[in-house]
Amino acid sequence: MPKMKTRKAAAKRFRVTGAGRVRRPKAGGNHGMQEKSRKRLRRLRKNDMVHGTMERHIKRLMPYG
């Protein structure tokens, strides 16, 4: 039986925590920084959790998750 391949696009964007939740970076922190406030950019640096309804779909893309 062949091994299941990891979807590399998902592996680069998400990480599974020790508790089994899925972490993701916040959107909107890549370009156009001058227009965004310092406070907003500071918030964007932090990670966020994926909603529970989407966790199962993302874990399916990563066989080790």
C-alpha atoms as a PDB file:
ATOM      1  CA  MET A   1       0.000   0.000   0.000  1.00  0.00           C
ATOM      2  CA  PRO A   2       1.561   3.389  -0.925  1.00  0.00           C
ATOM      3  CA  LYS A   3       2.005   6.163   1.624  1.00  0.00           C
ATOM      4  CA  MET A   4      -0.436   9.059   1.622  1.00  0.00           C
ATOM      5  CA  LYS A   5       1.233  12.248   0.416  1.00  0.00           C
ATOM      6  CA  THR A   6       1.063  15.477   2.382  1.00  0.00           C
ATOM      7  CA  ARG A   7      -0.523  18.395   0.564  1.00  0.00           C
ATOM      8  CA  LYS A   8       2.438  20.782   0.651  1.00  0.00           C
ATOM      9  CA  ALA A   9       0.286  23.904   0.280  1.00  0.00           C
ATOM     10  CA  ALA A  10      -1.578  22.976   3.482  1.00  0.00           C
ATOM     11  CA  ALA A  11       1.612  21.986   5.330  1.00  0.00           C
ATOM     12  CA  LYS A  12       3.094  25.443   4.678  1.00  0.00           C
ATOM     13  CA  ARG A  13       0.002  27.261   5.974  1.00  0.00           C
ATOM     14  CA  PHE A  14      -1.152  25.198   8.957  1.00  0.00           C
ATOM     15  CA  ARG A  15       0.322  23.485  12.003  1.00  0.00           C
ATOM     16  CA  VAL A  16      -1.348  21.001  14.320  1.00  0.00           C
ATOM     17  CA  THR A  17      -0.887  21.754  18.026  1.00  0.00           C
ATOM     18  CA  GLY A  18      -0.245  19.185  20.728  1.00  0.00           C
ATOM     19  CA  ALA A  19      -3.909  19.308  21.704  1.00  0.00           C
ATOM     20  CA  GLY A  20      -4.936  18.546  18.114  1.00  0.00           C
ATOM     21  CA  ARG A  21      -6.166  22.018  17.199  1.00  0.00           C
ATOM     22  CA  VAL A  22      -5.046  23.624  13.934  1.00  0.00           C
ATOM     23  CA  ARG A  23      -3.105  26.911  13.968  1.00  0.00           C
ATOM     24  CA  ARG A  24      -3.022  29.347  11.082  1.00  0.00           C
ATOM     25  CA  PRO A  25      -1.437  32.743  10.444  1.00  0.00           C
ATOM     26  CA  LYS A  26      -3.728  35.755  10.247  1.00  0.00           C
ATOM     27  CA  ALA A  27      -4.564  37.137   6.821  1.00  0.00           C
ATOM     28  CA  GLY A  28      -3.499  40.543   5.522  1.00  0.00           C
ATOM     29  CA  GLY A  29       0.050  40.851   6.832  1.00  0.00           C
ATOM     30  CA  ASN A  30       2.052  40.550   3.631  1.00  0.00           C
ATOM     31  CA  HIS A  31       1.977  43.865   1.772  1.00  0.00           C
ATOM     32  CA  GLY A  32       0.583  47.400   1.955  1.00  0.00           C
ATOM     33  CA  MET A  33       2.031  47.972   5.410  1.00  0.00           C
ATOM     34  CA  GLN A  34       2.107  51.772   5.221  1.00  0.00           C
ATOM     35  CA  GLU A  35      -1.687  51.995   5.157  1.00  0.00           C
ATOM     36  CA  LYS A  36      -2.124  49.740   8.191  1.00  0.00           C
ATOM     37  CA  SER A  37      -1.771  51.035  11.731  1.00  0.00           C
ATOM     38  CA  ARG A  38       1.025  49.767  14.013  1.00  0.00           C
ATOM     39  CA  LYS A  39      -1.623  48.322  16.309  1.00  0.00           C
ATOM     40  CA  ARG A  40      -3.195  46.381  13.454  1.00  0.00           C
ATOM     41  CA  LEU A  41       0.178  45.031  12.257  1.00  0.00           C
ATOM     42  CA  ARG A  42       1.008  43.917  15.800  1.00  0.00           C
ATOM     43  CA  ARG A  43      -2.251  41.943  15.938  1.00  0.00           C
ATOM     44  CA  LEU A  44      -1.511  40.334  12.561  1.00  0.00           C
ATOM     45  CA  ARG A  45       1.788  38.929  13.846  1.00  0.00           C
ATOM     46  CA  LYS A  46      -0.024  36.601  16.212  1.00  0.00           C
ATOM     47  CA  ASN A  47      -1.317  33.193  15.144  1.00  0.00           C
ATOM     48  CA  ASP A  48      -4.968  32.268  15.116  1.00  0.00           C
ATOM     49  CA  MET A  49      -6.865  28.995  15.421  1.00  0.00           C
ATOM     50  CA  VAL A  50      -8.850  27.437  12.597  1.00  0.00           C
ATOM     51  CA  HIS A  51     -12.574  27.177  13.282  1.00  0.00           C
ATOM     52  CA  GLY A  52     -13.692  23.789  14.567  1.00  0.00           C
ATOM     53  CA  THR A  53     -15.880  23.099  11.551  1.00  0.00           C
ATOM     54  CA  MET A  54     -12.859  23.383   9.213  1.00  0.00           C
ATOM     55  CA  GLU A  55     -10.356  21.430  11.334  1.00  0.00           C
ATOM     56  CA  ARG A  56     -11.333  18.024   9.989  1.00  0.00           C
ATOM     57  CA  HIS A  57     -10.940  19.174   6.370  1.00  0.00           C
ATOM     58  CA  ILE A  58      -7.467  20.575   6.981  1.00  0.00           C
ATOM     59  CA  LYS A  59      -6.283  17.553   8.952  1.00  0.00           C
ATOM     60  CA  ARG A  60      -7.316  15.367   6.031  1.00  0.00           C
ATOM     61  CA  LEU A  61      -4.795  17.250   3.863  1.00  0.00           C
ATOM     62  CA  MET A  62      -2.019  16.483   6.348  1.00  0.00           C
ATOM     63  CA  PRO A  63      -1.782  12.748   7.115  1.00  0.00           C
ATOM     64  CA  TYR A  64       0.351  13.303  10.244  1.00  0.00           C
ATOM     65  CA  GLY A  65      -2.232  15.659  11.804  1.00  0.00           C
END
